[in-house]
N, C-alpha and C. Protein backbone atom coordinates (compact mmCIF):
# COMPACT_ATOMS: atom_id res chain seq x y z
N MET A 1 1.51 23.10 -38.56
CA MET A 1 0.18 22.04 -39.17
C MET A 1 0.11 20.80 -37.57
N ASP A 2 -1.23 21.20 -37.09
CA ASP A 2 -1.64 20.63 -36.55
C ASP A 2 -1.97 18.84 -36.62
N ARG A 3 -2.19 17.60 -35.75
CA ARG A 3 -2.14 16.16 -36.91
C ARG A 3 -3.73 16.64 -36.93
N ALA A 4 -4.71 17.05 -37.17
CA ALA A 4 -5.85 16.43 -37.75
C ALA A 4 -6.22 17.20 -39.32
N GLU A 5 -5.12 18.17 -39.35
CA GLU A 5 -5.16 18.77 -40.29
C GLU A 5 -4.36 18.08 -41.33
N GLU A 6 -3.40 17.83 -40.91
CA GLU A 6 -2.18 16.85 -41.81
C GLU A 6 -3.31 15.58 -42.25
N LEU A 7 -4.13 14.49 -40.76
CA LEU A 7 -5.20 13.64 -41.25
C LEU A 7 -5.82 13.63 -42.74
N ARG A 8 -6.44 15.18 -42.70
CA ARG A 8 -7.68 15.72 -43.69
C ARG A 8 -6.81 15.89 -44.79
N GLN A 9 -5.57 16.65 -45.00
CA GLN A 9 -5.33 16.77 -45.96
C GLN A 9 -4.34 15.17 -46.52
N VAL A 10 -3.43 14.13 -45.88
CA VAL A 10 -3.32 13.20 -46.29
C VAL A 10 -4.69 12.11 -47.31
N ARG A 11 -5.88 12.30 -46.33
CA ARG A 11 -7.22 11.30 -46.70
C ARG A 11 -7.46 11.70 -48.34
N GLN A 12 -7.75 13.66 -47.76
CA GLN A 12 -7.76 13.93 -49.90
C GLN A 12 -6.99 13.46 -50.57
N ALA A 13 -5.76 13.43 -50.18
CA ALA A 13 -4.61 13.17 -51.47
C ALA A 13 -4.31 11.84 -51.61
N LEU A 14 -5.31 10.47 -50.46
CA LEU A 14 -5.43 8.99 -51.12
C LEU A 14 -6.37 9.10 -52.11
N SER A 15 -7.81 9.81 -51.02
CA SER A 15 -9.28 10.12 -51.83
C SER A 15 -8.57 10.47 -53.69
N ASP A 16 -8.13 11.46 -54.10
CA ASP A 16 -7.57 12.21 -55.05
C ASP A 16 -6.88 10.73 -55.66
N TYR A 17 -6.48 10.18 -55.45
CA TYR A 17 -5.28 8.98 -56.09
C TYR A 17 -5.93 7.91 -56.02
N LEU A 18 -6.74 7.34 -55.49
CA LEU A 18 -7.70 6.39 -55.56
C LEU A 18 -8.40 6.84 -56.99
N HIS A 19 -9.43 7.47 -56.93
CA HIS A 19 -9.64 8.04 -58.10
C HIS A 19 -9.10 8.04 -59.59
N ILE A 20 -8.12 8.82 -59.12
CA ILE A 20 -7.78 9.24 -60.42
C ILE A 20 -6.77 8.11 -61.38
N HIS A 21 -6.53 6.80 -59.99
CA HIS A 21 -6.07 5.39 -60.53
C HIS A 21 -7.10 4.07 -60.42
N GLY A 22 -7.97 5.02 -60.95
CA GLY A 22 -8.99 3.88 -60.34
C GLY A 22 -9.84 3.17 -59.37
N TYR A 23 -9.06 3.40 -58.11
CA TYR A 23 -9.34 2.60 -57.34
C TYR A 23 -10.21 2.12 -56.38
N ARG A 24 -10.67 1.64 -56.18
CA ARG A 24 -12.00 1.49 -54.84
C ARG A 24 -11.31 2.29 -53.48
N SER A 25 -12.68 3.10 -52.79
CA SER A 25 -12.65 4.32 -51.79
C SER A 25 -12.79 3.30 -50.77
N THR A 26 -12.08 2.55 -49.80
CA THR A 26 -12.52 1.35 -48.89
C THR A 26 -12.61 1.93 -47.72
N PRO A 27 -13.46 1.47 -46.19
CA PRO A 27 -13.37 2.32 -45.07
C PRO A 27 -11.23 1.59 -44.13
N GLU A 28 -11.30 0.54 -45.03
CA GLU A 28 -10.50 -0.56 -44.32
C GLU A 28 -8.54 0.86 -44.70
N ARG A 29 -8.86 1.00 -45.97
CA ARG A 29 -8.07 2.15 -46.28
C ARG A 29 -8.00 3.06 -45.37
N PHE A 30 -8.69 3.44 -45.90
CA PHE A 30 -9.20 5.16 -45.23
C PHE A 30 -8.61 4.74 -43.14
N ALA A 31 -8.82 3.97 -42.95
CA ALA A 31 -8.62 3.97 -41.26
C ALA A 31 -6.95 2.94 -41.00
N LEU A 32 -6.39 2.53 -42.30
CA LEU A 32 -5.11 2.43 -42.14
C LEU A 32 -4.55 3.46 -42.85
N LEU A 33 -4.36 4.33 -43.23
CA LEU A 33 -3.87 5.21 -43.36
C LEU A 33 -4.30 6.63 -42.14
N GLU A 34 -5.07 5.82 -41.54
CA GLU A 34 -5.64 7.22 -40.24
C GLU A 34 -4.06 6.41 -39.36
N ALA A 35 -3.97 4.76 -39.36
CA ALA A 35 -3.50 4.58 -37.94
C ALA A 35 -2.04 5.30 -38.74
N ILE A 36 -1.47 4.88 -39.64
CA ILE A 36 -0.16 4.70 -39.81
C ILE A 36 0.18 6.36 -39.45
N TYR A 37 -1.13 7.91 -39.51
CA TYR A 37 -0.25 9.10 -39.87
C TYR A 37 -0.66 9.22 -38.31
N MET A 38 -1.01 8.32 -37.08
CA MET A 38 -0.94 8.57 -35.70
C MET A 38 0.06 8.24 -35.25
N THR A 39 0.82 7.35 -36.22
CA THR A 39 1.66 6.86 -35.27
C THR A 39 3.46 8.00 -35.44
N ASP A 40 4.38 7.80 -34.64
CA ASP A 40 5.32 8.92 -34.69
C ASP A 40 6.41 7.25 -35.30
N GLY A 41 7.45 8.35 -35.94
CA GLY A 41 8.01 7.22 -36.09
C GLY A 41 8.31 6.50 -37.33
N ILE A 42 9.30 5.21 -37.22
CA ILE A 42 9.24 4.12 -38.48
C ILE A 42 8.16 3.02 -37.77
N PHE A 43 7.72 2.37 -38.73
CA PHE A 43 7.20 1.36 -38.06
C PHE A 43 7.15 0.49 -39.37
N ASN A 44 6.32 -1.18 -38.71
CA ASN A 44 6.65 -1.92 -39.33
C ASN A 44 4.67 -2.61 -39.53
N PRO A 45 4.66 -3.57 -40.49
CA PRO A 45 3.22 -3.68 -40.94
C PRO A 45 2.80 -4.56 -39.77
N GLU A 46 3.44 -5.55 -38.88
CA GLU A 46 3.30 -6.43 -38.11
C GLU A 46 3.02 -4.40 -36.80
N LYS A 47 3.90 -3.97 -36.52
CA LYS A 47 3.59 -3.05 -35.49
C LYS A 47 2.59 -1.98 -35.41
N LEU A 48 1.56 -1.74 -37.15
CA LEU A 48 0.80 -1.14 -37.53
C LEU A 48 -0.27 -2.39 -37.06
N LEU A 49 -0.58 -3.39 -37.39
CA LEU A 49 -1.19 -4.12 -37.03
C LEU A 49 -2.14 -3.68 -35.66
N ALA A 50 -0.57 -4.20 -34.49
CA ALA A 50 -0.72 -4.35 -33.25
C ALA A 50 -1.27 -3.20 -32.85
N ASP A 51 -0.75 -1.84 -33.50
CA ASP A 51 -1.05 -0.88 -33.20
C ASP A 51 -2.76 -0.50 -33.22
N MET A 52 -3.06 -1.09 -34.84
CA MET A 52 -4.79 -0.97 -35.22
C MET A 52 -5.37 -1.58 -34.12
N GLU A 53 -5.67 -2.83 -33.40
CA GLU A 53 -5.54 -3.66 -32.66
C GLU A 53 -6.07 -2.83 -31.36
N ALA A 54 -4.84 -2.49 -30.85
CA ALA A 54 -4.91 -1.83 -29.79
C ALA A 54 -6.00 -0.54 -29.87
N ARG A 55 -5.88 0.17 -30.49
CA ARG A 55 -6.45 0.79 -30.60
C ARG A 55 -8.40 1.10 -31.06
N LYS A 56 -8.89 -0.18 -31.33
CA LYS A 56 -9.98 -1.07 -31.37
C LYS A 56 -10.85 -0.25 -33.52
N THR A 57 -9.29 0.42 -33.86
CA THR A 57 -9.91 0.71 -35.25
C THR A 57 -10.01 -0.23 -35.91
N LEU A 58 -11.21 0.36 -37.19
CA LEU A 58 -11.17 -0.84 -38.32
C LEU A 58 -10.80 -2.12 -38.29
N ARG A 59 -11.25 -3.54 -38.07
CA ARG A 59 -10.45 -4.52 -38.10
C ARG A 59 -9.72 -4.73 -39.76
N VAL A 60 -8.64 -5.22 -39.73
CA VAL A 60 -7.73 -5.63 -41.64
C VAL A 60 -7.35 -6.89 -41.23
N CYS A 61 -6.88 -7.19 -42.23
CA CYS A 61 -6.13 -8.37 -42.65
C CYS A 61 -4.75 -8.28 -42.48
N ARG A 62 -3.90 -9.13 -42.71
CA ARG A 62 -2.32 -8.53 -42.76
C ARG A 62 -2.42 -8.70 -44.55
N ALA A 63 -2.89 -9.13 -45.01
CA ALA A 63 -2.99 -8.39 -46.58
C ALA A 63 -3.34 -7.50 -46.64
N THR A 64 -4.59 -6.91 -46.32
CA THR A 64 -4.94 -5.76 -46.43
C THR A 64 -3.70 -4.40 -45.86
N VAL A 65 -2.78 -4.69 -44.93
CA VAL A 65 -1.80 -3.78 -44.56
C VAL A 65 -0.89 -3.98 -45.77
N TYR A 66 -0.21 -5.55 -45.88
CA TYR A 66 0.54 -5.08 -47.27
C TYR A 66 0.17 -4.80 -48.70
N ASN A 67 -0.53 -5.27 -48.69
CA ASN A 67 -0.50 -4.59 -50.12
C ASN A 67 -1.39 -2.55 -50.19
N ASN A 68 -2.00 -2.10 -49.12
CA ASN A 68 -1.98 -1.15 -49.10
C ASN A 68 -1.00 -0.57 -49.13
N LEU A 69 0.49 -0.74 -48.28
CA LEU A 69 1.66 0.02 -48.28
C LEU A 69 2.19 0.45 -49.71
N GLY A 70 2.05 -0.22 -50.22
CA GLY A 70 2.52 -0.78 -51.28
C GLY A 70 1.96 0.30 -52.40
N LEU A 71 0.27 0.24 -51.99
CA LEU A 71 -0.78 1.50 -52.65
C LEU A 71 0.26 3.27 -51.85
N PHE A 72 0.22 3.29 -50.70
CA PHE A 72 0.20 4.48 -50.50
C PHE A 72 1.80 4.58 -50.72
N GLU A 73 2.80 4.29 -50.82
CA GLU A 73 4.24 4.35 -51.40
C GLU A 73 3.92 4.58 -52.49
N ASP A 74 3.32 4.59 -53.50
CA ASP A 74 3.09 4.64 -54.74
C ASP A 74 2.17 6.05 -54.91
N ALA A 75 1.66 5.91 -53.91
CA ALA A 75 0.85 7.82 -53.41
C ALA A 75 1.85 8.77 -53.07
N GLY A 76 3.21 8.78 -52.36
CA GLY A 76 3.62 8.99 -52.07
C GLY A 76 3.15 9.90 -50.86
N LEU A 77 2.57 8.73 -49.97
CA LEU A 77 2.07 8.82 -48.52
C LEU A 77 3.19 8.58 -47.32
N VAL A 78 3.87 7.33 -47.81
CA VAL A 78 4.65 6.32 -47.23
C VAL A 78 5.65 6.06 -47.70
N ARG A 79 7.10 6.01 -47.63
CA ARG A 79 8.05 6.03 -47.77
C ARG A 79 9.08 4.65 -46.85
N LYS A 80 9.69 3.59 -47.92
CA LYS A 80 9.94 2.20 -47.80
C LYS A 80 11.67 2.44 -47.37
N LEU A 81 11.64 1.98 -45.99
CA LEU A 81 13.12 2.27 -45.89
C LEU A 81 14.19 0.96 -45.12
N MET A 82 15.18 0.68 -45.55
CA MET A 82 15.54 -0.85 -44.79
C MET A 82 17.03 -0.64 -44.00
N LEU A 83 16.65 -0.57 -42.39
CA LEU A 83 16.90 -0.01 -41.84
C LEU A 83 17.87 -2.18 -41.15
N ASN A 84 19.18 -1.93 -41.19
CA ASN A 84 19.78 -3.03 -40.04
C ASN A 84 19.11 -5.06 -41.52
N GLY A 85 18.91 -4.38 -42.56
CA GLY A 85 18.17 -5.94 -43.30
C GLY A 85 16.80 -6.31 -43.19
N GLU A 86 16.19 -4.70 -42.44
CA GLU A 86 14.56 -5.39 -41.93
C GLU A 86 14.30 -3.81 -42.76
N SER A 87 12.91 -4.49 -43.47
CA SER A 87 12.13 -2.78 -44.17
C SER A 87 11.21 -2.36 -42.49
N GLY A 88 10.66 -1.22 -42.84
CA GLY A 88 9.92 -0.82 -42.12
C GLY A 88 9.95 0.75 -42.76
N TYR A 89 8.90 1.47 -43.28
CA TYR A 89 7.84 2.28 -43.57
C TYR A 89 8.15 3.67 -42.31
N GLU A 90 8.21 5.01 -43.02
CA GLU A 90 8.23 6.26 -42.50
C GLU A 90 6.13 7.14 -43.30
N LYS A 91 5.98 7.65 -42.63
CA LYS A 91 4.92 9.17 -42.90
C LYS A 91 5.55 9.88 -43.89
N LEU A 92 5.42 9.92 -45.12
CA LEU A 92 5.99 11.22 -46.00
C LEU A 92 5.74 12.50 -45.81
N TRP A 93 4.25 12.67 -45.99
CA TRP A 93 3.61 13.93 -45.67
C TRP A 93 4.44 14.77 -45.21
N HIS A 94 4.75 16.16 -46.24
CA HIS A 94 5.43 16.71 -45.72
C HIS A 94 6.76 16.56 -44.56
N ASN A 95 7.33 15.50 -44.87
CA ASN A 95 8.36 15.17 -44.35
C ASN A 95 9.35 14.31 -45.04
N GLN A 96 10.38 15.25 -46.27
CA GLN A 96 10.19 14.70 -47.51
C GLN A 96 11.75 14.61 -47.30
N PHE A 97 12.06 14.58 -45.86
CA PHE A 97 14.09 14.43 -45.80
C PHE A 97 14.13 13.80 -44.04
N GLY A 98 14.66 13.04 -44.03
CA GLY A 98 15.38 12.77 -42.74
C GLY A 98 16.44 12.24 -42.70
N ILE A 99 17.41 12.25 -41.26
CA ILE A 99 18.37 11.28 -40.98
C ILE A 99 18.58 10.94 -40.06
N ARG A 100 19.19 9.73 -39.95
CA ARG A 100 18.55 8.96 -38.88
C ARG A 100 19.83 8.51 -38.33
N LEU A 101 19.84 8.16 -37.36
CA LEU A 101 21.45 7.04 -36.55
C LEU A 101 20.61 5.79 -36.68
N VAL A 102 21.52 4.52 -37.06
CA VAL A 102 20.62 3.14 -36.66
C VAL A 102 21.97 2.74 -36.07
N CYS A 103 21.33 1.97 -34.31
CA CYS A 103 22.42 0.81 -33.85
C CYS A 103 22.62 0.30 -34.96
N THR A 104 23.50 -0.34 -35.45
CA THR A 104 23.39 -1.94 -36.16
C THR A 104 23.60 -3.21 -35.02
N SER A 105 23.74 -2.81 -33.68
CA SER A 105 23.53 -3.82 -32.74
C SER A 105 22.54 -4.45 -32.32
N CYS A 106 21.82 -3.22 -31.37
CA CYS A 106 20.21 -3.10 -31.23
C CYS A 106 19.26 -2.66 -32.39
N GLY A 107 19.58 -2.01 -33.08
CA GLY A 107 18.77 -1.46 -33.82
C GLY A 107 17.85 -0.71 -33.79
N LYS A 108 17.81 0.64 -32.13
CA LYS A 108 17.57 1.20 -32.26
C LYS A 108 17.65 2.70 -33.53
N VAL A 109 16.59 3.50 -33.76
CA VAL A 109 17.25 4.63 -34.59
C VAL A 109 16.42 5.35 -33.81
N THR A 110 17.59 6.40 -34.14
CA THR A 110 17.11 8.08 -33.78
C THR A 110 17.30 8.58 -34.81
N GLU A 111 16.27 9.63 -34.85
CA GLU A 111 16.21 11.06 -35.81
C GLU A 111 16.84 12.18 -35.63
N CYS A 112 17.28 12.27 -36.45
CA CYS A 112 18.59 13.14 -35.86
C CYS A 112 18.56 14.90 -36.63
N GLY A 113 18.20 15.99 -36.41
CA GLY A 113 17.57 17.06 -36.80
C GLY A 113 19.30 17.75 -37.77
N ASP A 114 20.36 17.18 -38.06
CA ASP A 114 20.60 18.50 -38.42
C ASP A 114 20.79 19.40 -39.30
N GLU A 115 20.60 20.64 -39.24
CA GLU A 115 20.91 21.33 -40.84
C GLU A 115 21.20 21.80 -41.25
N LYS A 116 21.82 21.63 -41.33
CA LYS A 116 23.96 22.06 -41.41
C LYS A 116 23.82 21.02 -43.00
N VAL A 117 23.18 19.55 -42.42
CA VAL A 117 23.39 18.78 -43.18
C VAL A 117 22.46 18.59 -44.60
N ARG A 118 21.38 19.19 -43.83
CA ARG A 118 19.91 19.13 -44.26
C ARG A 118 20.03 19.95 -46.04
N HIS A 119 20.40 21.67 -45.24
CA HIS A 119 20.92 22.23 -46.49
C HIS A 119 21.73 22.35 -47.58
N GLN A 120 22.98 21.66 -46.92
CA GLN A 120 24.23 20.78 -48.18
C GLN A 120 22.88 20.18 -48.98
N ILE A 121 22.57 18.93 -48.72
CA ILE A 121 21.69 18.13 -49.58
C ILE A 121 21.26 18.76 -50.10
N GLU A 122 20.10 19.66 -49.58
CA GLU A 122 19.27 20.49 -50.57
C GLU A 122 19.56 21.63 -51.79
N ASP A 123 20.77 21.85 -51.14
CA ASP A 123 21.12 22.61 -52.08
C ASP A 123 22.25 22.71 -53.41
N MET A 124 22.16 20.97 -53.19
CA MET A 124 23.01 20.48 -54.41
C MET A 124 22.48 20.93 -55.43
N LYS A 125 23.23 20.78 -56.51
CA LYS A 125 22.61 21.04 -57.91
C LYS A 125 23.03 19.65 -59.14
N LYS A 126 21.73 19.37 -59.07
CA LYS A 126 21.69 17.98 -59.82
C LYS A 126 21.06 18.24 -60.92
N LYS A 127 21.74 18.06 -62.36
CA LYS A 127 21.38 17.48 -63.75
C LYS A 127 20.38 16.39 -64.24
N ARG A 128 19.22 17.36 -64.71
CA ARG A 128 18.46 16.58 -65.05
C ARG A 128 17.70 15.73 -64.19
N PHE A 129 17.36 16.20 -62.80
CA PHE A 129 17.28 15.31 -61.88
C PHE A 129 16.24 16.40 -60.88
N THR A 130 15.23 15.83 -60.52
CA THR A 130 14.43 16.70 -59.51
C THR A 130 14.56 15.90 -58.81
N MET A 131 14.90 16.57 -56.86
CA MET A 131 14.68 15.78 -55.67
C MET A 131 13.04 15.88 -55.45
N THR A 132 12.48 14.92 -54.65
CA THR A 132 11.29 14.64 -54.47
C THR A 132 12.15 14.41 -52.65
N GLY A 133 12.82 14.00 -52.56
CA GLY A 133 12.97 13.20 -50.69
C GLY A 133 14.24 12.50 -50.99
N TRP A 134 14.40 12.61 -49.75
CA TRP A 134 15.69 11.90 -49.34
C TRP A 134 15.96 11.24 -48.08
N SER A 135 16.67 10.52 -47.93
CA SER A 135 16.88 9.75 -46.34
C SER A 135 18.64 9.50 -46.69
N LEU A 136 18.94 9.32 -45.13
CA LEU A 136 20.26 9.03 -45.19
C LEU A 136 20.72 8.77 -43.82
N ASN A 137 21.24 7.01 -43.79
CA ASN A 137 20.84 6.20 -42.52
C ASN A 137 22.38 6.23 -42.10
N LEU A 138 22.77 7.00 -40.95
CA LEU A 138 23.88 6.71 -40.46
C LEU A 138 24.37 5.42 -39.20
N TYR A 139 25.29 4.68 -39.77
CA TYR A 139 25.34 3.15 -39.30
C TYR A 139 26.45 2.62 -37.70
N GLY A 140 25.71 2.23 -37.23
CA GLY A 140 26.76 2.58 -36.14
C GLY A 140 26.92 2.15 -34.36
N LEU A 141 26.84 2.21 -33.17
CA LEU A 141 26.45 1.91 -31.88
C LEU A 141 26.53 2.95 -31.52
N CYS A 142 24.86 2.76 -31.23
CA CYS A 142 24.29 3.71 -29.45
C CYS A 142 25.11 3.22 -28.78
N SER A 143 25.25 4.47 -27.67
CA SER A 143 25.89 4.31 -26.13
C SER A 143 25.94 3.22 -25.97
N LYS A 144 24.94 2.62 -25.62
CA LYS A 144 24.21 1.48 -24.60
C LYS A 144 25.35 0.34 -24.88
N CYS A 145 24.74 -0.49 -25.89
CA CYS A 145 25.86 -1.38 -27.33
C CYS A 145 27.37 -0.64 -26.85
N GLN A 146 27.65 0.66 -27.28
CA GLN A 146 29.05 0.94 -27.37
C GLN A 146 29.60 0.56 -25.88
N ALA A 147 28.83 0.66 -24.83
CA ALA A 147 29.06 0.68 -23.60
C ALA A 147 28.98 -0.61 -23.24
N ALA A 148 28.53 -1.42 -23.93
CA ALA A 148 28.78 -2.82 -23.60
C ALA A 148 29.67 -3.81 -24.09
N PHE A 149 29.84 -3.42 -25.60
CA PHE A 149 30.57 -3.69 -26.39
C PHE A 149 32.31 -3.63 -25.00
N LYS A 150 32.03 -2.84 -24.70
CA LYS A 150 33.72 -2.70 -24.06
C LYS A 150 33.89 -3.01 -23.03
N ARG A 151 32.86 -3.04 -22.28
CA ARG A 151 32.78 -3.65 -20.84
C ARG A 151 33.38 -5.53 -21.52
N LYS A 152 32.68 -6.42 -22.66
CA LYS A 152 33.48 -7.57 -23.07
C LYS A 152 34.44 -6.92 -23.54
N GLN A 153 34.80 -5.96 -23.87
CA GLN A 153 36.25 -6.46 -24.29
C GLN A 153 38.05 -6.07 -23.00
N LYS A 154 36.65 -5.83 -22.52
CA LYS A 154 38.15 -5.47 -21.02
C LYS A 154 37.84 -6.82 -20.30
N LYS A 155 36.73 -7.39 -20.24
CA LYS A 155 36.29 -8.85 -19.65
C LYS A 155 37.12 -9.74 -20.49
N LEU A 156 37.48 -9.80 -22.06
CA LEU A 156 38.52 -10.78 -22.42
C LEU A 156 39.79 -10.23 -22.71
N LEU A 157 39.79 -9.41 -21.89
CA LEU A 157 41.41 -8.64 -21.60
C LEU A 157 41.82 -9.17 -20.79
N ASP A 158 40.69 -8.74 -19.83
CA ASP A 158 41.45 -9.68 -18.30
C ASP A 158 41.63 -10.93 -18.46
N LYS A 159 41.05 -11.26 -18.85
CA LYS A 159 40.54 -12.86 -19.17
C LYS A 159 42.21 -14.10 -19.51
N THR A 160 42.39 -13.07 -20.57
CA THR A 160 43.60 -13.16 -21.40
C THR A 160 45.10 -12.98 -20.10
N GLN A 161 45.12 -11.75 -19.82
CA GLN A 161 46.23 -11.21 -18.86
C GLN A 161 46.42 -12.56 -17.52
N LYS A 162 45.85 -13.22 -17.24
CA LYS A 162 45.57 -13.27 -16.33
C LYS A 162 46.40 -14.82 -17.72
């Protein structure tokens, strides 16, 4: 599915959700949704605001972003994540699962598409539970941070040996 078709579908899903729940359809909500679905990967509200300003899209205030992220989460269009103690969001349309490698030192997040793990999780039998999505975060050190840590260890070891 191309991005234009995905955007059309999420706009329709938001429109339906707003109508069913009695919320107003505002240009700001749809501009925000479009900015989210033009973003790749994980984002936070501040990054979203900066992206919207850079693209010269409809201007929205910080409160609008935070309030609507909650609404989009309730509508099943975004998912809130906690990574290294900070919250982030990811778009959810046709992205019901995710495996991420999270560096606990620099905060870098790498998507990992391990099909074997994905199939094992999706094949699990769950009594009285319907799974609608999942997220798996693996924490550790990326190669850059691991190399920096080893250099620091080596320097400390050299100092203590002298």
